[in-house]
């Protein structure tokens, strides 16, 4: 099985085959509009603008599972992102990333790149909360909004980035694949 075997729904409820992204470098992100990490949209859009012509696609999957921080309809979420952060990358239908109703795409992503505590991250409030959640979560569950999965042009899941990891580190890994 490959990432290209999956189909997802866009925000208008149309089925989209991830096969459409063959040959592209993908950054797949579960997002929320009311989260402390929401400002990452700005850096994600900057990366998208910088590397899109070289083959980067960012796939945005809003998720309301973490303290309901992605309230609103898919259209309301899209409007917020495009108005506040000028996002241009693909935004899909709101999904669940953990549990009984989790997206099959996320089941696959977590299997391919499980959770590992980020190296070099000092304990602080956010890390402590993530670790607290880790003790109650299944081993590879998504810990929070803005977890990122990097996929190479052949569809291999290369790496998982936790929300507290710097986007400059994500960008370094993207440049290796572009």
N, C-alpha and C. Protein backbone atom coordinates (compact mmCIF):
# COMPACT_ATOMS: atom_id res chain seq x y z
N UNK A 1 0.84 -1.19 0.00
CA UNK A 1 0.00 0.00 0.00
C UNK A 1 0.89 1.25 0.00
N UNK A 2 0.42 2.26 -0.69
CA UNK A 2 1.16 3.51 -0.81
C UNK A 2 0.22 4.68 -0.51
N UNK A 3 0.80 5.81 -0.27
CA UNK A 3 0.01 7.03 -0.01
C UNK A 3 -0.91 7.31 -1.20
N UNK A 4 -0.46 6.89 -2.39
CA UNK A 4 -1.22 7.17 -3.60
C UNK A 4 -2.46 6.28 -3.76
N UNK A 5 -2.62 5.31 -2.88
CA UNK A 5 -3.80 4.44 -2.91
C UNK A 5 -5.00 5.07 -2.20
N UNK A 6 -4.79 6.18 -1.51
CA UNK A 6 -5.86 6.78 -0.71
C UNK A 6 -6.64 7.82 -1.48
N UNK A 7 -7.91 7.92 -1.09
CA UNK A 7 -8.79 8.96 -1.60
C UNK A 7 -9.31 9.71 -0.39
N UNK A 8 -9.40 11.02 -0.54
CA UNK A 8 -9.88 11.89 0.54
C UNK A 8 -10.96 12.80 -0.04
N UNK A 9 -11.64 13.51 0.84
CA UNK A 9 -12.66 14.45 0.40
C UNK A 9 -12.13 15.87 0.51
N UNK A 10 -12.34 16.65 -0.55
CA UNK A 10 -11.98 18.06 -0.46
C UNK A 10 -13.06 18.78 0.35
N UNK A 11 -12.87 20.05 0.59
CA UNK A 11 -13.80 20.77 1.46
C UNK A 11 -15.18 20.92 0.85
N UNK A 12 -15.32 20.65 -0.44
CA UNK A 12 -16.62 20.69 -1.12
C UNK A 12 -17.23 19.30 -1.22
N UNK A 13 -16.60 18.33 -0.55
CA UNK A 13 -17.09 16.95 -0.48
C UNK A 13 -16.85 16.15 -1.76
N UNK A 14 -15.92 16.60 -2.59
CA UNK A 14 -15.55 15.86 -3.80
C UNK A 14 -14.40 14.92 -3.47
N UNK A 15 -14.47 13.73 -4.01
CA UNK A 15 -13.41 12.75 -3.77
C UNK A 15 -12.16 13.12 -4.57
N UNK A 16 -11.01 13.06 -3.91
CA UNK A 16 -9.74 13.39 -4.53
C UNK A 16 -8.80 12.22 -4.29
N UNK A 17 -8.24 11.70 -5.37
CA UNK A 17 -7.26 10.63 -5.24
C UNK A 17 -5.89 11.25 -4.98
N UNK A 18 -5.20 10.72 -3.99
CA UNK A 18 -3.85 11.22 -3.72
C UNK A 18 -2.88 10.83 -4.84
N UNK A 19 -3.34 9.97 -5.72
CA UNK A 19 -2.54 9.63 -6.91
C UNK A 19 -2.31 10.89 -7.76
N UNK A 20 -3.20 11.86 -7.63
CA UNK A 20 -3.04 13.13 -8.35
C UNK A 20 -1.75 13.85 -7.95
N UNK A 21 -1.16 13.47 -6.81
CA UNK A 21 0.03 14.15 -6.30
C UNK A 21 1.30 13.36 -6.55
N UNK A 22 1.23 12.31 -7.38
CA UNK A 22 2.44 11.54 -7.71
C UNK A 22 3.49 12.48 -8.28
N UNK A 23 4.72 12.27 -7.86
CA UNK A 23 5.82 13.10 -8.34
C UNK A 23 6.00 14.40 -7.56
N UNK A 24 5.15 14.63 -6.56
CA UNK A 24 5.25 15.83 -5.73
C UNK A 24 5.78 15.47 -4.35
N UNK A 25 6.39 16.44 -3.69
CA UNK A 25 6.75 16.31 -2.28
C UNK A 25 5.55 16.82 -1.50
N UNK A 26 5.07 16.01 -0.55
CA UNK A 26 3.87 16.37 0.20
C UNK A 26 4.19 16.65 1.66
N UNK A 27 3.56 17.66 2.19
CA UNK A 27 3.56 17.92 3.62
C UNK A 27 2.09 17.87 4.03
N UNK A 28 1.74 16.83 4.79
CA UNK A 28 0.37 16.59 5.20
C UNK A 28 0.24 17.03 6.65
N UNK A 29 -0.73 17.91 6.91
CA UNK A 29 -0.84 18.56 8.22
C UNK A 29 -2.28 18.51 8.73
N UNK A 30 -2.45 18.11 10.00
CA UNK A 30 -3.77 18.27 10.63
C UNK A 30 -3.76 19.62 11.33
N UNK A 31 -4.77 20.42 11.06
CA UNK A 31 -4.75 21.82 11.50
C UNK A 31 -5.98 22.18 12.33
N UNK A 32 -5.92 23.35 12.91
CA UNK A 32 -7.04 23.92 13.65
C UNK A 32 -6.91 25.44 13.62
N UNK A 33 -8.04 26.12 13.61
CA UNK A 33 -8.03 27.58 13.49
C UNK A 33 -8.03 28.30 14.83
N UNK A 34 -8.26 27.58 15.92
CA UNK A 34 -8.32 28.22 17.23
C UNK A 34 -7.29 27.67 18.19
N UNK A 35 -6.13 27.37 17.70
CA UNK A 35 -5.07 26.70 18.46
C UNK A 35 -3.88 27.64 18.63
N UNK A 36 -3.10 27.41 19.65
CA UNK A 36 -1.88 28.19 19.85
C UNK A 36 -0.89 28.02 18.70
N UNK A 37 -1.02 26.93 17.94
CA UNK A 37 -0.13 26.69 16.79
C UNK A 37 -0.70 27.23 15.48
N UNK A 38 -1.91 27.79 15.51
CA UNK A 38 -2.54 28.29 14.29
C UNK A 38 -1.65 29.27 13.51
N UNK A 39 -0.85 30.12 14.18
CA UNK A 39 0.04 31.01 13.41
C UNK A 39 1.04 30.27 12.50
N UNK A 40 1.18 28.96 12.68
CA UNK A 40 2.04 28.20 11.76
C UNK A 40 1.52 28.28 10.32
N UNK A 41 0.25 28.60 10.16
CA UNK A 41 -0.28 28.77 8.80
C UNK A 41 0.56 29.77 8.01
N UNK A 42 1.03 30.82 8.67
CA UNK A 42 1.82 31.85 7.98
C UNK A 42 3.11 31.24 7.41
N UNK A 43 3.83 30.49 8.24
CA UNK A 43 5.08 29.87 7.78
C UNK A 43 4.82 28.77 6.75
N UNK A 44 3.73 28.04 6.93
CA UNK A 44 3.39 27.02 5.95
C UNK A 44 3.12 27.65 4.59
N UNK A 45 2.40 28.75 4.57
CA UNK A 45 2.12 29.44 3.32
C UNK A 45 3.41 29.98 2.70
N UNK A 46 4.31 30.50 3.52
CA UNK A 46 5.60 30.99 3.01
C UNK A 46 6.39 29.85 2.36
N UNK A 47 6.40 28.67 3.01
CA UNK A 47 7.08 27.51 2.44
C UNK A 47 6.42 27.09 1.13
N UNK A 48 5.11 27.11 1.12
CA UNK A 48 4.37 26.72 -0.07
C UNK A 48 4.74 27.64 -1.24
N UNK A 49 4.73 28.94 -0.99
CA UNK A 49 5.07 29.90 -2.04
C UNK A 49 6.51 29.72 -2.52
N UNK A 50 7.40 29.42 -1.61
CA UNK A 50 8.82 29.28 -1.92
C UNK A 50 9.13 28.02 -2.73
N UNK A 51 8.42 26.92 -2.43
CA UNK A 51 8.79 25.63 -3.02
C UNK A 51 7.72 25.00 -3.91
N UNK A 52 6.59 25.63 -4.04
CA UNK A 52 5.51 25.03 -4.84
C UNK A 52 5.94 24.77 -6.28
N UNK A 53 6.59 25.73 -6.88
CA UNK A 53 7.02 25.57 -8.28
C UNK A 53 8.05 24.45 -8.44
N UNK A 54 8.70 24.08 -7.33
CA UNK A 54 9.68 22.99 -7.36
C UNK A 54 9.04 21.64 -7.01
N UNK A 55 7.72 21.66 -6.74
CA UNK A 55 7.03 20.39 -6.53
C UNK A 55 6.45 20.16 -5.15
N UNK A 56 6.46 21.15 -4.27
CA UNK A 56 5.88 20.97 -2.94
C UNK A 56 4.38 21.20 -2.97
N UNK A 57 3.65 20.29 -2.34
CA UNK A 57 2.22 20.45 -2.10
C UNK A 57 1.99 20.31 -0.60
N UNK A 58 1.21 21.19 -0.04
CA UNK A 58 0.81 21.09 1.36
C UNK A 58 -0.66 20.69 1.37
N UNK A 59 -0.96 19.60 2.09
CA UNK A 59 -2.32 19.10 2.19
C UNK A 59 -2.81 19.34 3.61
N UNK A 60 -3.78 20.21 3.74
CA UNK A 60 -4.29 20.70 5.02
C UNK A 60 -5.59 19.96 5.37
N UNK A 61 -5.55 19.24 6.50
CA UNK A 61 -6.72 18.51 6.98
C UNK A 61 -7.16 19.07 8.33
N UNK A 62 -8.14 19.98 8.35
CA UNK A 62 -8.63 20.48 9.63
C UNK A 62 -9.15 19.32 10.50
N UNK A 63 -8.94 19.46 11.80
CA UNK A 63 -9.33 18.42 12.75
C UNK A 63 -9.82 19.10 14.03
N UNK A 64 -10.97 18.67 14.50
CA UNK A 64 -11.58 19.28 15.68
C UNK A 64 -11.45 18.40 16.92
N UNK A 65 -10.54 17.44 16.92
CA UNK A 65 -10.43 16.47 18.01
C UNK A 65 -9.71 16.98 19.24
N UNK A 66 -8.97 18.05 19.13
CA UNK A 66 -8.16 18.52 20.25
C UNK A 66 -8.80 19.77 20.84
N UNK A 67 -9.61 19.58 21.86
CA UNK A 67 -10.33 20.67 22.54
C UNK A 67 -11.16 21.51 21.57
N UNK A 68 -11.67 20.87 20.54
CA UNK A 68 -12.57 21.53 19.58
C UNK A 68 -12.01 22.86 19.07
N UNK A 69 -10.78 22.82 18.60
CA UNK A 69 -10.11 24.03 18.14
C UNK A 69 -10.24 24.28 16.65
N UNK A 70 -11.06 23.46 15.98
CA UNK A 70 -11.35 23.68 14.56
C UNK A 70 -12.86 23.73 14.38
N UNK A 71 -13.46 24.69 15.05
CA UNK A 71 -14.91 24.84 14.97
C UNK A 71 -15.29 25.44 13.63
N UNK A 72 -16.54 25.28 13.30
CA UNK A 72 -17.04 25.87 12.06
C UNK A 72 -17.11 24.86 10.94
N UNK A 73 -17.74 25.29 9.86
CA UNK A 73 -17.86 24.44 8.68
C UNK A 73 -16.54 24.46 7.91
N UNK A 74 -16.45 23.57 6.94
CA UNK A 74 -15.26 23.54 6.09
C UNK A 74 -15.08 24.87 5.36
N UNK A 75 -16.19 25.44 4.90
CA UNK A 75 -16.10 26.74 4.21
C UNK A 75 -15.67 27.86 5.16
N UNK A 76 -16.17 27.86 6.39
CA UNK A 76 -15.77 28.88 7.37
C UNK A 76 -14.29 28.76 7.71
N UNK A 77 -13.81 27.54 7.86
CA UNK A 77 -12.39 27.32 8.15
C UNK A 77 -11.54 27.81 6.98
N UNK A 78 -11.97 27.48 5.77
CA UNK A 78 -11.24 27.90 4.57
C UNK A 78 -11.21 29.44 4.46
N UNK A 79 -12.33 30.06 4.72
CA UNK A 79 -12.40 31.52 4.66
C UNK A 79 -11.45 32.15 5.69
N UNK A 80 -11.44 31.62 6.90
CA UNK A 80 -10.53 32.13 7.94
C UNK A 80 -9.08 32.03 7.46
N UNK A 81 -8.70 30.89 6.93
CA UNK A 81 -7.30 30.67 6.52
C UNK A 81 -6.90 31.55 5.35
N UNK A 82 -7.79 31.68 4.39
CA UNK A 82 -7.44 32.48 3.22
C UNK A 82 -7.43 33.98 3.54
N UNK A 83 -8.32 34.43 4.41
CA UNK A 83 -8.36 35.85 4.76
C UNK A 83 -7.23 36.24 5.71
N UNK A 84 -7.03 35.44 6.75
CA UNK A 84 -6.05 35.79 7.78
C UNK A 84 -4.61 35.45 7.37
N UNK A 85 -4.43 34.29 6.70
CA UNK A 85 -3.07 33.83 6.38
C UNK A 85 -2.80 33.76 4.89
N UNK A 86 -3.78 34.09 4.08
CA UNK A 86 -3.63 34.10 2.61
C UNK A 86 -3.22 32.73 2.06
N UNK A 87 -3.68 31.66 2.71
CA UNK A 87 -3.29 30.32 2.28
C UNK A 87 -3.80 30.02 0.87
N UNK A 88 -2.96 29.32 0.13
CA UNK A 88 -3.28 28.92 -1.23
C UNK A 88 -3.22 27.40 -1.41
N UNK A 89 -2.64 26.71 -0.44
CA UNK A 89 -2.49 25.26 -0.58
C UNK A 89 -3.82 24.55 -0.35
N UNK A 90 -3.87 23.29 -0.77
CA UNK A 90 -5.11 22.52 -0.73
C UNK A 90 -5.59 22.28 0.70
N UNK A 91 -6.84 22.59 0.91
CA UNK A 91 -7.47 22.33 2.20
C UNK A 91 -8.61 21.35 1.98
N UNK A 92 -8.64 20.33 2.81
CA UNK A 92 -9.60 19.24 2.64
C UNK A 92 -10.68 19.30 3.71
N UNK A 93 -11.60 18.37 3.61
CA UNK A 93 -12.71 18.26 4.55
C UNK A 93 -12.18 17.95 5.94
N UNK A 94 -12.82 18.49 6.95
CA UNK A 94 -12.46 18.23 8.34
C UNK A 94 -12.51 16.72 8.60
N UNK A 95 -11.50 16.22 9.31
CA UNK A 95 -11.40 14.78 9.56
C UNK A 95 -11.07 14.52 11.03
N UNK A 96 -11.08 13.25 11.38
CA UNK A 96 -10.55 12.79 12.67
C UNK A 96 -9.25 12.06 12.38
N UNK A 97 -8.27 12.27 13.24
CA UNK A 97 -6.94 11.68 13.02
C UNK A 97 -6.64 10.55 14.00
N UNK A 98 -7.48 10.37 15.00
CA UNK A 98 -7.33 9.31 16.00
C UNK A 98 -8.69 8.66 16.24
N UNK A 99 -8.65 7.44 16.71
CA UNK A 99 -9.86 6.80 17.22
C UNK A 99 -10.68 6.05 16.20
N UNK A 100 -11.88 5.72 16.65
CA UNK A 100 -12.80 4.89 15.88
C UNK A 100 -13.11 5.43 14.49
N UNK A 101 -13.20 6.74 14.37
CA UNK A 101 -13.58 7.36 13.09
C UNK A 101 -12.40 8.02 12.37
N UNK A 102 -11.18 7.61 12.73
CA UNK A 102 -10.03 8.27 12.11
C UNK A 102 -9.97 7.97 10.61
N UNK A 103 -9.45 8.92 9.90
CA UNK A 103 -9.27 8.80 8.47
C UNK A 103 -8.30 7.65 8.18
N UNK A 104 -8.62 6.80 7.21
CA UNK A 104 -7.69 5.73 6.83
C UNK A 104 -6.31 6.28 6.42
N UNK A 105 -6.30 7.47 5.84
CA UNK A 105 -5.02 8.10 5.49
C UNK A 105 -4.17 8.26 6.74
N UNK A 106 -4.76 8.74 7.82
CA UNK A 106 -4.00 8.94 9.05
C UNK A 106 -3.62 7.63 9.73
N UNK A 107 -4.43 6.61 9.58
CA UNK A 107 -4.05 5.28 10.08
C UNK A 107 -2.75 4.87 9.40
N UNK A 108 -2.69 5.06 8.09
CA UNK A 108 -1.51 4.73 7.30
C UNK A 108 -0.31 5.60 7.70
N UNK A 109 -0.51 6.91 7.77
CA UNK A 109 0.59 7.81 8.11
C UNK A 109 1.20 7.46 9.46
N UNK A 110 0.37 7.19 10.45
CA UNK A 110 0.86 6.87 11.80
C UNK A 110 1.60 5.53 11.81
N UNK A 111 1.16 4.61 10.98
CA UNK A 111 1.85 3.31 10.89
C UNK A 111 3.24 3.50 10.26
N UNK A 112 3.30 4.36 9.27
CA UNK A 112 4.56 4.58 8.55
C UNK A 112 5.55 5.44 9.34
N UNK A 113 5.05 6.35 10.14
CA UNK A 113 5.92 7.26 10.91
C UNK A 113 5.26 7.49 12.27
N UNK A 114 5.57 6.61 13.20
CA UNK A 114 4.99 6.69 14.52
C UNK A 114 5.55 7.83 15.36
N UNK A 115 4.95 8.00 16.52
CA UNK A 115 5.35 9.07 17.42
C UNK A 115 6.72 8.81 18.03
N UNK A 116 7.54 9.83 18.01
CA UNK A 116 8.83 9.84 18.72
C UNK A 116 8.95 11.20 19.37
N UNK A 117 9.29 11.21 20.64
CA UNK A 117 9.46 12.49 21.33
C UNK A 117 10.54 13.29 20.60
N UNK A 118 10.24 14.53 20.25
CA UNK A 118 11.23 15.34 19.53
C UNK A 118 12.51 15.52 20.34
N UNK A 119 13.63 15.38 19.67
CA UNK A 119 14.93 15.56 20.32
C UNK A 119 15.22 17.05 20.48
N UNK A 120 15.89 17.38 21.55
CA UNK A 120 16.35 18.75 21.74
C UNK A 120 15.26 19.72 22.14
N UNK A 121 14.06 19.22 22.39
CA UNK A 121 12.98 20.11 22.81
C UNK A 121 12.95 20.11 24.33
N UNK A 122 13.09 21.28 24.90
CA UNK A 122 13.09 21.40 26.36
C UNK A 122 11.67 21.24 26.89
N UNK A 123 11.60 20.69 28.07
CA UNK A 123 10.29 20.59 28.69
C UNK A 123 9.76 21.98 28.98
N UNK A 124 8.56 22.18 28.63
CA UNK A 124 7.85 23.43 28.87
C UNK A 124 6.39 23.07 28.94
N UNK A 125 5.56 24.06 29.04
CA UNK A 125 4.13 23.81 29.17
C UNK A 125 3.59 22.97 28.03
N UNK A 126 3.92 23.34 26.79
CA UNK A 126 3.37 22.61 25.64
C UNK A 126 3.89 21.18 25.60
N UNK A 127 5.20 21.02 25.79
CA UNK A 127 5.76 19.67 25.75
C UNK A 127 5.19 18.83 26.88
N UNK A 128 5.03 19.41 28.05
CA UNK A 128 4.46 18.67 29.17
C UNK A 128 3.04 18.22 28.86
N UNK A 129 2.26 19.09 28.22
CA UNK A 129 0.89 18.71 27.84
C UNK A 129 0.92 17.59 26.81
N UNK A 130 1.82 17.68 25.84
CA UNK A 130 1.92 16.62 24.83
C UNK A 130 2.32 15.30 25.46
N UNK A 131 3.25 15.36 26.38
CA UNK A 131 3.69 14.13 27.06
C UNK A 131 2.59 13.58 27.96
N UNK A 132 1.84 14.46 28.59
CA UNK A 132 0.71 14.03 29.42
C UNK A 132 -0.31 13.30 28.55
N UNK A 133 -0.60 13.88 27.39
CA UNK A 133 -1.52 13.24 26.45
C UNK A 133 -0.94 11.92 25.96
N UNK A 134 0.38 11.87 25.77
CA UNK A 134 1.04 10.67 25.27
C UNK A 134 0.80 9.48 26.18
N UNK A 135 0.71 9.72 27.47
CA UNK A 135 0.51 8.63 28.42
C UNK A 135 -0.88 8.02 28.30
N UNK A 136 -1.83 8.79 27.79
CA UNK A 136 -3.19 8.27 27.64
C UNK A 136 -3.50 7.88 26.20
N UNK A 137 -2.65 8.27 25.29
CA UNK A 137 -2.89 8.00 23.87
C UNK A 137 -2.33 6.64 23.47
N UNK A 138 -2.84 6.12 22.38
CA UNK A 138 -2.19 4.96 21.79
C UNK A 138 -0.81 5.40 21.33
N UNK A 139 0.10 4.49 21.25
CA UNK A 139 1.50 4.80 21.01
C UNK A 139 1.73 5.81 19.89
N UNK A 140 1.11 5.61 18.76
CA UNK A 140 1.41 6.47 17.61
C UNK A 140 0.33 7.50 17.31
N UNK A 141 -0.61 7.67 18.22
CA UNK A 141 -1.66 8.66 17.98
C UNK A 141 -1.08 10.05 17.76
N UNK A 142 -1.84 10.84 17.01
CA UNK A 142 -1.50 12.26 16.83
C UNK A 142 -1.71 12.92 18.19
N UNK A 143 -0.71 13.69 18.64
CA UNK A 143 -0.77 14.33 19.95
C UNK A 143 -1.53 15.64 19.95
N UNK A 144 -1.46 16.37 18.82
CA UNK A 144 -2.05 17.69 18.81
C UNK A 144 -2.19 18.19 17.38
N UNK A 145 -2.80 19.36 17.24
CA UNK A 145 -2.92 20.04 15.95
C UNK A 145 -1.53 20.38 15.40
N UNK A 146 -1.43 20.42 14.10
CA UNK A 146 -0.22 20.80 13.37
C UNK A 146 0.90 19.77 13.46
N UNK A 147 0.52 18.49 13.59
CA UNK A 147 1.47 17.41 13.37
C UNK A 147 1.63 17.30 11.86
N UNK A 148 2.86 17.10 11.40
CA UNK A 148 3.15 17.12 9.97
C UNK A 148 3.81 15.82 9.53
N UNK A 149 3.43 15.35 8.36
CA UNK A 149 4.05 14.17 7.75
C UNK A 149 4.64 14.60 6.42
N UNK A 150 5.92 14.29 6.22
CA UNK A 150 6.61 14.62 4.98
C UNK A 150 6.68 13.36 4.11
N UNK A 151 6.25 13.50 2.87
CA UNK A 151 6.18 12.38 1.93
C UNK A 151 7.00 12.74 0.70
N UNK A 152 7.85 11.80 0.25
CA UNK A 152 8.70 12.07 -0.91
C UNK A 152 7.92 11.88 -2.22
N UNK A 153 8.58 12.14 -3.32
CA UNK A 153 7.94 12.12 -4.64
C UNK A 153 7.43 10.73 -5.04
N UNK A 154 7.98 9.70 -4.41
CA UNK A 154 7.56 8.33 -4.71
C UNK A 154 6.45 7.85 -3.78
N UNK A 155 6.04 8.71 -2.85
CA UNK A 155 4.96 8.35 -1.96
C UNK A 155 5.39 7.73 -0.64
N UNK A 156 6.67 7.76 -0.34
CA UNK A 156 7.17 7.22 0.92
C UNK A 156 7.07 8.27 2.03
N UNK A 157 6.54 7.84 3.17
CA UNK A 157 6.47 8.73 4.33
C UNK A 157 7.88 8.80 4.91
N UNK A 158 8.48 9.96 4.82
CA UNK A 158 9.88 10.16 5.20
C UNK A 158 10.02 10.50 6.68
N UNK A 159 9.11 11.32 7.18
CA UNK A 159 9.29 11.80 8.56
C UNK A 159 8.00 12.39 9.10
N UNK A 160 7.89 12.30 10.42
CA UNK A 160 6.79 12.93 11.15
C UNK A 160 7.39 14.04 12.00
N UNK A 161 6.72 15.18 12.00
CA UNK A 161 7.14 16.32 12.82
C UNK A 161 6.04 16.64 13.80
N UNK A 162 6.39 16.75 15.06
CA UNK A 162 5.41 17.13 16.08
C UNK A 162 5.20 18.65 16.00
N UNK A 163 4.07 19.14 16.50
CA UNK A 163 3.73 20.56 16.34
C UNK A 163 4.75 21.52 16.93
N UNK A 164 5.49 21.09 17.95
CA UNK A 164 6.43 22.00 18.60
C UNK A 164 7.77 22.07 17.88
N UNK A 165 7.97 21.21 16.88
CA UNK A 165 9.22 21.27 16.13
C UNK A 165 9.20 22.49 15.22
N UNK A 166 10.36 23.09 15.06
CA UNK A 166 10.48 24.33 14.29
C UNK A 166 10.22 24.08 12.81
N UNK A 167 9.49 25.00 12.20
CA UNK A 167 9.22 24.86 10.78
C UNK A 167 10.48 25.03 9.94
N UNK A 168 11.50 25.66 10.49
CA UNK A 168 12.79 25.74 9.78
C UNK A 168 13.39 24.35 9.63
N UNK A 169 13.18 23.48 10.63
CA UNK A 169 13.66 22.10 10.54
C UNK A 169 12.85 21.31 9.50
N UNK A 170 11.55 21.59 9.44
CA UNK A 170 10.71 20.96 8.43
C UNK A 170 11.19 21.40 7.05
N UNK A 171 11.44 22.68 6.90
CA UNK A 171 11.90 23.21 5.61
C UNK A 171 13.23 22.57 5.18
N UNK A 172 14.14 22.37 6.11
CA UNK A 172 15.42 21.72 5.76
C UNK A 172 15.19 20.35 5.16
N UNK A 173 14.27 19.60 5.73
CA UNK A 173 13.96 18.26 5.22
C UNK A 173 13.27 18.34 3.85
N UNK A 174 12.42 19.34 3.67
CA UNK A 174 11.75 19.51 2.38
C UNK A 174 12.79 19.80 1.28
N UNK A 175 13.77 20.65 1.59
CA UNK A 175 14.76 21.01 0.57
C UNK A 175 15.58 19.79 0.15
N UNK A 176 15.73 18.80 1.00
CA UNK A 176 16.45 17.58 0.63
C UNK A 176 15.67 16.77 -0.41
N UNK A 177 14.36 16.95 -0.42
CA UNK A 177 13.50 16.16 -1.32
C UNK A 177 13.10 16.89 -2.59
N UNK A 178 13.27 18.20 -2.61
CA UNK A 178 12.83 19.00 -3.76
C UNK A 178 13.75 18.78 -4.95
